[in-house]
N, C-alpha and C. Protein backbone atom coordinates (compact mmCIF):
# COMPACT_ATOMS: atom_id res chain seq x y z
N MET A 1 3.36 -11.99 -2.90
CA MET A 1 2.48 -11.31 -3.82
C MET A 1 1.18 -12.10 -3.98
N PRO A 2 0.06 -11.44 -3.88
CA PRO A 2 -1.20 -12.17 -4.05
C PRO A 2 -1.42 -12.59 -5.50
N VAL A 3 -2.20 -13.61 -5.67
CA VAL A 3 -2.59 -14.07 -7.01
C VAL A 3 -3.89 -13.38 -7.38
N TRP A 4 -3.91 -12.74 -8.53
CA TRP A 4 -5.10 -12.04 -9.00
C TRP A 4 -5.80 -12.90 -10.05
N GLU A 5 -7.12 -12.98 -9.95
CA GLU A 5 -7.95 -13.74 -10.87
C GLU A 5 -9.10 -12.86 -11.35
N PRO A 6 -9.71 -13.18 -12.48
CA PRO A 6 -10.89 -12.42 -12.89
C PRO A 6 -11.96 -12.49 -11.80
N HIS A 7 -12.60 -11.36 -11.55
CA HIS A 7 -13.64 -11.30 -10.53
C HIS A 7 -14.91 -11.95 -11.04
N VAL A 8 -15.37 -12.95 -10.30
CA VAL A 8 -16.65 -13.60 -10.58
C VAL A 8 -17.52 -13.39 -9.35
N PRO A 9 -18.49 -12.48 -9.41
CA PRO A 9 -19.33 -12.20 -8.24
C PRO A 9 -20.01 -13.46 -7.73
N ARG A 10 -20.03 -13.61 -6.40
CA ARG A 10 -20.66 -14.78 -5.77
C ARG A 10 -22.03 -14.44 -5.22
N SER A 11 -22.45 -13.20 -5.37
CA SER A 11 -23.78 -12.79 -4.96
C SER A 11 -24.21 -11.65 -5.88
N PRO A 12 -25.49 -11.34 -5.91
CA PRO A 12 -25.95 -10.27 -6.80
C PRO A 12 -25.47 -8.89 -6.38
N ARG A 13 -24.92 -8.79 -5.17
CA ARG A 13 -24.54 -7.47 -4.67
C ARG A 13 -23.19 -7.53 -3.94
N SER A 14 -22.27 -6.67 -4.34
CA SER A 14 -20.99 -6.51 -3.65
C SER A 14 -21.04 -5.20 -2.88
N ARG A 15 -20.58 -5.23 -1.65
CA ARG A 15 -20.57 -4.02 -0.84
C ARG A 15 -19.13 -3.56 -0.65
N VAL A 16 -18.79 -2.43 -1.24
CA VAL A 16 -17.46 -1.84 -1.08
C VAL A 16 -17.49 -0.99 0.19
N THR A 17 -16.63 -1.30 1.15
CA THR A 17 -16.63 -0.55 2.39
C THR A 17 -15.35 0.25 2.61
N GLU A 18 -14.31 -0.05 1.84
CA GLU A 18 -13.06 0.71 1.93
C GLU A 18 -12.39 0.75 0.56
N GLN A 19 -11.61 1.80 0.36
CA GLN A 19 -10.77 1.91 -0.83
C GLN A 19 -9.38 2.33 -0.39
N SER A 20 -8.39 1.85 -1.11
CA SER A 20 -7.03 2.33 -0.87
C SER A 20 -6.90 3.70 -1.50
N CYS A 21 -5.79 4.38 -1.18
CA CYS A 21 -5.56 5.66 -1.84
C CYS A 21 -5.48 5.40 -3.34
N CYS A 22 -5.79 6.35 -4.12
CA CYS A 22 -5.78 6.23 -5.59
C CYS A 22 -6.84 5.26 -6.12
N ALA A 23 -7.67 4.72 -5.23
CA ALA A 23 -8.69 3.73 -5.60
C ALA A 23 -8.07 2.53 -6.33
N ALA A 24 -6.84 2.19 -5.95
CA ALA A 24 -6.16 1.05 -6.57
C ALA A 24 -6.81 -0.27 -6.16
N TYR A 25 -7.31 -0.34 -4.91
CA TYR A 25 -7.93 -1.55 -4.39
C TYR A 25 -9.22 -1.21 -3.67
N GLU A 26 -10.14 -2.17 -3.67
CA GLU A 26 -11.40 -2.02 -2.96
C GLU A 26 -11.62 -3.22 -2.04
N TRP A 27 -11.98 -2.94 -0.79
CA TRP A 27 -12.31 -3.98 0.19
C TRP A 27 -13.81 -4.20 0.10
N CYS A 28 -14.24 -5.43 -0.17
CA CYS A 28 -15.65 -5.72 -0.39
C CYS A 28 -16.12 -6.91 0.43
N SER A 29 -17.39 -6.90 0.74
CA SER A 29 -18.03 -8.10 1.28
C SER A 29 -19.04 -8.55 0.22
N GLU A 30 -19.14 -9.86 0.12
CA GLU A 30 -19.94 -10.42 -0.96
C GLU A 30 -20.44 -11.81 -0.56
N GLY A 31 -21.70 -11.93 -0.32
CA GLY A 31 -22.27 -13.24 -0.02
C GLY A 31 -21.63 -13.94 1.17
N GLY A 32 -21.31 -13.21 2.23
CA GLY A 32 -20.74 -13.80 3.42
C GLY A 32 -19.23 -13.99 3.37
N GLN A 33 -18.60 -13.54 2.31
CA GLN A 33 -17.15 -13.60 2.18
C GLN A 33 -16.61 -12.20 1.96
N TYR A 34 -15.31 -12.08 2.11
CA TYR A 34 -14.61 -10.82 1.85
C TYR A 34 -13.69 -11.04 0.67
N VAL A 35 -13.49 -9.97 -0.09
CA VAL A 35 -12.67 -10.06 -1.28
C VAL A 35 -12.06 -8.69 -1.57
N ILE A 36 -10.89 -8.68 -2.18
CA ILE A 36 -10.23 -7.44 -2.57
C ILE A 36 -10.29 -7.36 -4.09
N LEU A 37 -10.74 -6.23 -4.57
CA LEU A 37 -10.87 -6.02 -6.02
C LEU A 37 -9.91 -4.93 -6.48
N ARG A 38 -9.52 -5.04 -7.76
CA ARG A 38 -8.79 -3.96 -8.41
C ARG A 38 -9.31 -3.85 -9.84
N PRO A 39 -9.37 -2.63 -10.37
CA PRO A 39 -9.83 -2.46 -11.74
C PRO A 39 -8.88 -3.16 -12.71
N ALA A 40 -9.47 -3.76 -13.74
CA ALA A 40 -8.69 -4.45 -14.77
C ALA A 40 -9.45 -4.41 -16.08
N GLY A 41 -9.01 -3.58 -16.99
CA GLY A 41 -9.69 -3.49 -18.28
C GLY A 41 -11.13 -3.06 -18.11
N ASP A 42 -12.05 -3.89 -18.61
CA ASP A 42 -13.48 -3.59 -18.54
C ASP A 42 -14.15 -4.08 -17.26
N GLY A 43 -13.40 -4.74 -16.39
CA GLY A 43 -14.00 -5.30 -15.18
C GLY A 43 -13.07 -5.17 -14.00
N TYR A 44 -13.03 -6.23 -13.21
CA TYR A 44 -12.21 -6.26 -12.00
C TYR A 44 -11.48 -7.59 -11.90
N GLU A 45 -10.39 -7.57 -11.14
CA GLU A 45 -9.71 -8.78 -10.71
C GLU A 45 -9.88 -8.87 -9.21
N GLU A 46 -9.78 -10.09 -8.68
CA GLU A 46 -9.95 -10.28 -7.24
C GLU A 46 -8.80 -11.08 -6.66
N THR A 47 -8.61 -10.90 -5.36
CA THR A 47 -7.68 -11.70 -4.59
C THR A 47 -8.14 -11.73 -3.14
N GLY A 48 -7.60 -12.66 -2.37
CA GLY A 48 -7.87 -12.71 -0.94
C GLY A 48 -9.26 -13.16 -0.55
N ARG A 49 -10.01 -13.75 -1.45
CA ARG A 49 -11.39 -14.13 -1.13
C ARG A 49 -11.41 -15.12 0.02
N GLY A 50 -12.32 -14.89 0.96
CA GLY A 50 -12.48 -15.84 2.06
C GLY A 50 -13.01 -15.19 3.31
N ILE A 51 -12.68 -15.81 4.43
CA ILE A 51 -13.13 -15.29 5.71
C ILE A 51 -12.42 -13.98 6.02
N TYR A 52 -12.96 -13.24 6.96
CA TYR A 52 -12.45 -11.91 7.27
C TYR A 52 -10.95 -11.91 7.55
N ALA A 53 -10.50 -12.78 8.45
CA ALA A 53 -9.09 -12.74 8.88
C ALA A 53 -8.14 -12.95 7.72
N ARG A 54 -8.43 -13.90 6.86
CA ARG A 54 -7.55 -14.18 5.71
C ARG A 54 -7.54 -13.01 4.73
N ALA A 55 -8.73 -12.53 4.39
CA ALA A 55 -8.83 -11.43 3.43
C ALA A 55 -8.20 -10.16 3.99
N ARG A 56 -8.38 -9.92 5.29
CA ARG A 56 -7.84 -8.70 5.89
C ARG A 56 -6.32 -8.73 5.91
N GLN A 57 -5.74 -9.90 6.09
CA GLN A 57 -4.28 -10.02 6.04
C GLN A 57 -3.76 -9.63 4.65
N VAL A 58 -4.41 -10.12 3.62
CA VAL A 58 -4.03 -9.77 2.24
C VAL A 58 -4.21 -8.26 2.03
N TRP A 59 -5.33 -7.71 2.49
CA TRP A 59 -5.61 -6.28 2.35
C TRP A 59 -4.50 -5.45 2.99
N ASN A 60 -4.14 -5.79 4.22
CA ASN A 60 -3.10 -5.04 4.92
C ASN A 60 -1.77 -5.11 4.19
N GLU A 61 -1.41 -6.27 3.67
CA GLU A 61 -0.17 -6.43 2.92
C GLU A 61 -0.19 -5.57 1.65
N LEU A 62 -1.33 -5.57 0.94
CA LEU A 62 -1.45 -4.75 -0.27
C LEU A 62 -1.32 -3.27 0.04
N LEU A 63 -1.96 -2.81 1.12
CA LEU A 63 -1.87 -1.40 1.48
C LEU A 63 -0.44 -1.01 1.85
N GLU A 64 0.26 -1.90 2.52
CA GLU A 64 1.65 -1.64 2.88
C GLU A 64 2.52 -1.53 1.63
N GLN A 65 2.35 -2.47 0.70
CA GLN A 65 3.11 -2.43 -0.56
C GLN A 65 2.77 -1.19 -1.36
N HIS A 66 1.51 -0.83 -1.37
CA HIS A 66 1.06 0.34 -2.12
C HIS A 66 1.68 1.62 -1.55
N ALA A 67 1.70 1.73 -0.23
CA ALA A 67 2.30 2.90 0.42
C ALA A 67 3.80 2.97 0.11
N GLU A 68 4.46 1.83 0.11
CA GLU A 68 5.89 1.79 -0.22
C GLU A 68 6.14 2.24 -1.66
N SER A 69 5.26 1.87 -2.57
CA SER A 69 5.43 2.28 -3.97
C SER A 69 5.32 3.80 -4.10
N HIS A 70 4.48 4.43 -3.30
CA HIS A 70 4.37 5.89 -3.32
C HIS A 70 5.63 6.54 -2.76
N LYS A 71 6.20 5.94 -1.72
CA LYS A 71 7.43 6.49 -1.13
C LYS A 71 8.57 6.43 -2.13
N ARG A 72 8.67 5.32 -2.88
CA ARG A 72 9.75 5.17 -3.88
C ARG A 72 9.60 6.21 -4.98
N ARG A 73 8.38 6.53 -5.36
CA ARG A 73 8.16 7.52 -6.43
C ARG A 73 8.55 8.92 -6.04
N THR A 74 8.47 9.23 -4.74
CA THR A 74 8.76 10.59 -4.30
C THR A 74 10.23 10.82 -3.99
N LYS A 75 11.03 9.78 -4.02
CA LYS A 75 12.46 9.92 -3.72
C LYS A 75 13.24 10.34 -4.94
């Protein structure tokens, strides 16, 4: 399970390029790094911050877990 922390932007602009279904997670690039965001209260939480390969691994794991949660709900 990834560790979620309050999102602290590292650049003035975050670019969201993908969203999971239900908009549960957002894949972003920010100041030369990649990060995964999720809504939390009045802001966002982040996980997986770092180089593309590391962040993408976390992203893929989250999408897999998210898809499994939908399958469990429909059974």
